[in-house]
Amino acid sequence: MVTGIGAVFALVEVIYILMILLGANAGNAFVRFIRSIAEPLALFFPGLFPIDNAQLAVLVNYGLAAIFWLVVTGLIARLFFH
């Protein structure tokens, strides 16, 4: 259950990354919805590394957030449920 939640959080981050990299319409309701979820889930990662290329910055920062959620929820699941 815990790892599933982490996977959903990571999936939201990956969907957001793909929408940015593929040039999704920022005015679209679905894109705004995913962004409204992805930004808080990214925690402190956006802006962590100053990268001039906007697409690379999204890939790195939100990609790190996705990896973070997978690792943290995996560790929590191992600590408390094994």
N, C-alpha and C. Protein backbone atom coordinates (compact mmCIF):
# COMPACT_ATOMS: atom_id res chain seq x y z
N MET A 1 0.83 -1.19 0.00
CA MET A 1 0.00 0.00 0.00
C MET A 1 0.88 1.26 0.00
N VAL A 2 1.87 1.28 0.88
CA VAL A 2 2.75 2.45 0.98
C VAL A 2 3.55 2.63 -0.30
N THR A 3 4.08 1.55 -0.82
CA THR A 3 4.86 1.67 -2.06
C THR A 3 3.95 2.05 -3.24
N GLY A 4 2.69 1.64 -3.18
CA GLY A 4 1.73 2.03 -4.21
C GLY A 4 1.48 3.52 -4.21
N ILE A 5 1.38 4.10 -3.02
CA ILE A 5 1.20 5.55 -2.90
C ILE A 5 2.42 6.27 -3.47
N GLY A 6 3.61 5.78 -3.13
CA GLY A 6 4.83 6.37 -3.67
C GLY A 6 4.89 6.26 -5.18
N ALA A 7 4.41 5.14 -5.71
CA ALA A 7 4.40 4.96 -7.16
C ALA A 7 3.44 5.93 -7.83
N VAL A 8 2.29 6.18 -7.20
CA VAL A 8 1.33 7.14 -7.75
C VAL A 8 1.93 8.54 -7.74
N PHE A 9 2.58 8.91 -6.63
CA PHE A 9 3.23 10.23 -6.54
C PHE A 9 4.29 10.37 -7.63
N ALA A 10 5.11 9.33 -7.80
CA ALA A 10 6.16 9.36 -8.82
C ALA A 10 5.54 9.43 -10.22
N LEU A 11 4.45 8.72 -10.43
CA LEU A 11 3.78 8.74 -11.73
C LEU A 11 3.27 10.13 -12.06
N VAL A 12 2.72 10.83 -11.08
CA VAL A 12 2.27 12.21 -11.30
C VAL A 12 3.44 13.07 -11.74
N GLU A 13 4.59 12.91 -11.09
CA GLU A 13 5.78 13.69 -11.45
C GLU A 13 6.21 13.36 -12.88
N VAL A 14 6.21 12.09 -13.23
CA VAL A 14 6.62 11.67 -14.58
C VAL A 14 5.66 12.20 -15.64
N ILE A 15 4.37 12.15 -15.35
CA ILE A 15 3.38 12.69 -16.30
C ILE A 15 3.62 14.18 -16.50
N TYR A 16 3.89 14.90 -15.41
CA TYR A 16 4.15 16.34 -15.52
C TYR A 16 5.41 16.59 -16.35
N ILE A 17 6.45 15.83 -16.10
CA ILE A 17 7.69 15.97 -16.88
C ILE A 17 7.41 15.76 -18.36
N LEU A 18 6.69 14.70 -18.69
CA LEU A 18 6.40 14.40 -20.09
C LEU A 18 5.57 15.50 -20.74
N MET A 19 4.60 16.03 -20.00
CA MET A 19 3.78 17.09 -20.57
C MET A 19 4.62 18.33 -20.87
N ILE A 20 5.54 18.66 -19.99
CA ILE A 20 6.41 19.82 -20.22
C ILE A 20 7.34 19.56 -21.40
N LEU A 21 7.98 18.40 -21.41
CA LEU A 21 8.94 18.09 -22.46
C LEU A 21 8.28 17.97 -23.84
N LEU A 22 7.03 17.50 -23.85
CA LEU A 22 6.34 17.33 -25.12
C LEU A 22 5.55 18.57 -25.54
N GLY A 23 5.61 19.63 -24.73
CA GLY A 23 4.99 20.90 -25.09
C GLY A 23 3.48 20.93 -24.95
N ALA A 24 2.97 20.31 -23.91
CA ALA A 24 1.52 20.32 -23.70
C ALA A 24 1.02 21.75 -23.47
N ASN A 25 -0.22 21.99 -23.87
CA ASN A 25 -0.84 23.30 -23.73
C ASN A 25 -1.04 23.62 -22.24
N ALA A 26 -0.33 24.62 -21.74
CA ALA A 26 -0.37 24.98 -20.32
C ALA A 26 -1.75 25.48 -19.90
N GLY A 27 -2.58 25.89 -20.84
CA GLY A 27 -3.92 26.38 -20.52
C GLY A 27 -4.95 25.27 -20.42
N ASN A 28 -4.59 24.05 -20.79
CA ASN A 28 -5.50 22.92 -20.74
C ASN A 28 -5.81 22.55 -19.30
N ALA A 29 -7.07 22.20 -19.03
CA ALA A 29 -7.50 21.88 -17.67
C ALA A 29 -6.75 20.69 -17.09
N PHE A 30 -6.50 19.65 -17.90
CA PHE A 30 -5.79 18.48 -17.39
C PHE A 30 -4.34 18.83 -17.04
N VAL A 31 -3.71 19.62 -17.88
CA VAL A 31 -2.32 20.04 -17.61
C VAL A 31 -2.27 20.86 -16.33
N ARG A 32 -3.21 21.77 -16.15
CA ARG A 32 -3.26 22.58 -14.92
C ARG A 32 -3.51 21.69 -13.70
N PHE A 33 -4.37 20.68 -13.85
CA PHE A 33 -4.66 19.76 -12.75
C PHE A 33 -3.40 18.99 -12.34
N ILE A 34 -2.71 18.41 -13.31
CA ILE A 34 -1.49 17.66 -13.01
C ILE A 34 -0.44 18.57 -12.39
N ARG A 35 -0.32 19.79 -12.91
CA ARG A 35 0.65 20.75 -12.35
C ARG A 35 0.30 21.08 -10.91
N SER A 36 -0.99 21.23 -10.61
CA SER A 36 -1.39 21.57 -9.24
C SER A 36 -1.07 20.44 -8.26
N ILE A 37 -0.98 19.24 -8.75
CA ILE A 37 -0.60 18.11 -7.90
C ILE A 37 0.92 17.94 -7.88
N ALA A 38 1.56 18.05 -9.04
CA ALA A 38 3.00 17.79 -9.16
C ALA A 38 3.85 18.80 -8.39
N GLU A 39 3.46 20.06 -8.42
CA GLU A 39 4.30 21.07 -7.76
C GLU A 39 4.43 20.85 -6.25
N PRO A 40 3.34 20.62 -5.51
CA PRO A 40 3.52 20.36 -4.07
C PRO A 40 4.26 19.05 -3.80
N LEU A 41 4.05 18.04 -4.66
CA LEU A 41 4.74 16.77 -4.46
C LEU A 41 6.23 16.87 -4.75
N ALA A 42 6.64 17.89 -5.48
CA ALA A 42 8.06 18.05 -5.80
C ALA A 42 8.86 18.55 -4.61
N LEU A 43 8.17 18.99 -3.57
CA LEU A 43 8.78 19.44 -2.32
C LEU A 43 9.80 20.54 -2.57
N PHE A 44 11.03 20.29 -2.17
CA PHE A 44 12.10 21.28 -2.26
C PHE A 44 12.96 21.12 -3.51
N PHE A 45 12.63 20.18 -4.38
CA PHE A 45 13.48 19.89 -5.53
C PHE A 45 13.50 20.96 -6.62
N PRO A 46 12.35 21.58 -6.98
CA PRO A 46 12.43 22.64 -8.00
C PRO A 46 13.32 23.79 -7.54
N GLY A 47 14.28 24.12 -8.35
CA GLY A 47 15.21 25.18 -8.00
C GLY A 47 16.41 24.71 -7.21
N LEU A 48 16.48 23.43 -6.90
CA LEU A 48 17.60 22.89 -6.13
C LEU A 48 18.91 23.05 -6.90
N PHE A 49 18.85 22.79 -8.20
CA PHE A 49 20.01 22.97 -9.06
C PHE A 49 19.71 24.07 -10.07
N PRO A 50 20.54 25.10 -10.12
CA PRO A 50 20.30 26.17 -11.10
C PRO A 50 20.70 25.70 -12.51
N ILE A 51 19.68 25.43 -13.32
CA ILE A 51 19.90 24.94 -14.69
C ILE A 51 19.26 25.94 -15.63
N ASP A 52 20.03 26.42 -16.60
CA ASP A 52 19.54 27.44 -17.52
C ASP A 52 18.48 26.93 -18.48
N ASN A 53 18.58 25.70 -18.92
CA ASN A 53 17.62 25.12 -19.84
C ASN A 53 16.36 24.72 -19.06
N ALA A 54 15.22 25.33 -19.37
CA ALA A 54 13.98 25.12 -18.61
C ALA A 54 13.52 23.66 -18.68
N GLN A 55 13.61 23.05 -19.84
CA GLN A 55 13.17 21.66 -19.96
C GLN A 55 14.07 20.71 -19.18
N LEU A 56 15.37 20.95 -19.23
CA LEU A 56 16.30 20.12 -18.47
C LEU A 56 16.08 20.32 -16.97
N ALA A 57 15.77 21.55 -16.57
CA ALA A 57 15.51 21.83 -15.15
C ALA A 57 14.29 21.05 -14.67
N VAL A 58 13.24 21.01 -15.47
CA VAL A 58 12.04 20.25 -15.10
C VAL A 58 12.38 18.77 -15.02
N LEU A 59 13.10 18.27 -15.99
CA LEU A 59 13.48 16.87 -16.01
C LEU A 59 14.28 16.49 -14.76
N VAL A 60 15.29 17.28 -14.43
CA VAL A 60 16.14 16.98 -13.28
C VAL A 60 15.38 17.15 -11.97
N ASN A 61 14.75 18.30 -11.78
CA ASN A 61 14.13 18.59 -10.49
C ASN A 61 12.92 17.71 -10.19
N TYR A 62 12.03 17.57 -11.15
CA TYR A 62 10.85 16.73 -10.92
C TYR A 62 11.20 15.25 -11.02
N GLY A 63 12.22 14.91 -11.79
CA GLY A 63 12.71 13.54 -11.83
C GLY A 63 13.30 13.12 -10.49
N LEU A 64 14.03 14.03 -9.86
CA LEU A 64 14.56 13.74 -8.52
C LEU A 64 13.43 13.56 -7.51
N ALA A 65 12.39 14.35 -7.65
CA ALA A 65 11.24 14.21 -6.75
C ALA A 65 10.58 12.84 -6.94
N ALA A 66 10.45 12.39 -8.18
CA ALA A 66 9.86 11.08 -8.44
C ALA A 66 10.69 9.97 -7.81
N ILE A 67 12.00 10.06 -7.99
CA ILE A 67 12.90 9.06 -7.39
C ILE A 67 12.81 9.13 -5.87
N PHE A 68 12.75 10.32 -5.32
CA PHE A 68 12.62 10.51 -3.87
C PHE A 68 11.41 9.77 -3.34
N TRP A 69 10.24 9.95 -3.99
CA TRP A 69 9.02 9.30 -3.51
C TRP A 69 9.12 7.79 -3.58
N LEU A 70 9.73 7.26 -4.62
CA LEU A 70 9.89 5.82 -4.72
C LEU A 70 10.81 5.28 -3.63
N VAL A 71 11.91 5.96 -3.40
CA VAL A 71 12.88 5.51 -2.39
C VAL A 71 12.31 5.64 -0.98
N VAL A 72 11.73 6.79 -0.65
CA VAL A 72 11.23 7.03 0.70
C VAL A 72 10.09 6.08 1.04
N THR A 73 9.13 5.94 0.15
CA THR A 73 8.03 5.04 0.46
C THR A 73 8.48 3.58 0.49
N GLY A 74 9.48 3.23 -0.32
CA GLY A 74 10.05 1.89 -0.26
C GLY A 74 10.72 1.64 1.08
N LEU A 75 11.45 2.62 1.58
CA LEU A 75 12.10 2.49 2.89
C LEU A 75 11.07 2.41 4.01
N ILE A 76 10.06 3.23 3.95
CA ILE A 76 9.00 3.20 4.97
C ILE A 76 8.32 1.84 4.98
N ALA A 77 8.03 1.32 3.82
CA ALA A 77 7.38 0.01 3.73
C ALA A 77 8.27 -1.08 4.33
N ARG A 78 9.55 -1.03 4.07
CA ARG A 78 10.47 -2.03 4.62
C ARG A 78 10.62 -1.90 6.12
N LEU A 79 10.69 -0.68 6.62
CA LEU A 79 10.87 -0.48 8.06
C LEU A 79 9.66 -0.92 8.87
N PHE A 80 8.49 -0.60 8.40
CA PHE A 80 7.30 -0.82 9.20
C PHE A 80 6.49 -2.06 8.84
N PHE A 81 6.71 -2.62 7.68
CA PHE A 81 5.87 -3.73 7.26
C PHE A 81 6.62 -5.01 6.96
N HIS A 82 7.87 -5.09 7.34
CA HIS A 82 8.62 -6.35 7.16
C HIS A 82 9.15 -6.85 8.44
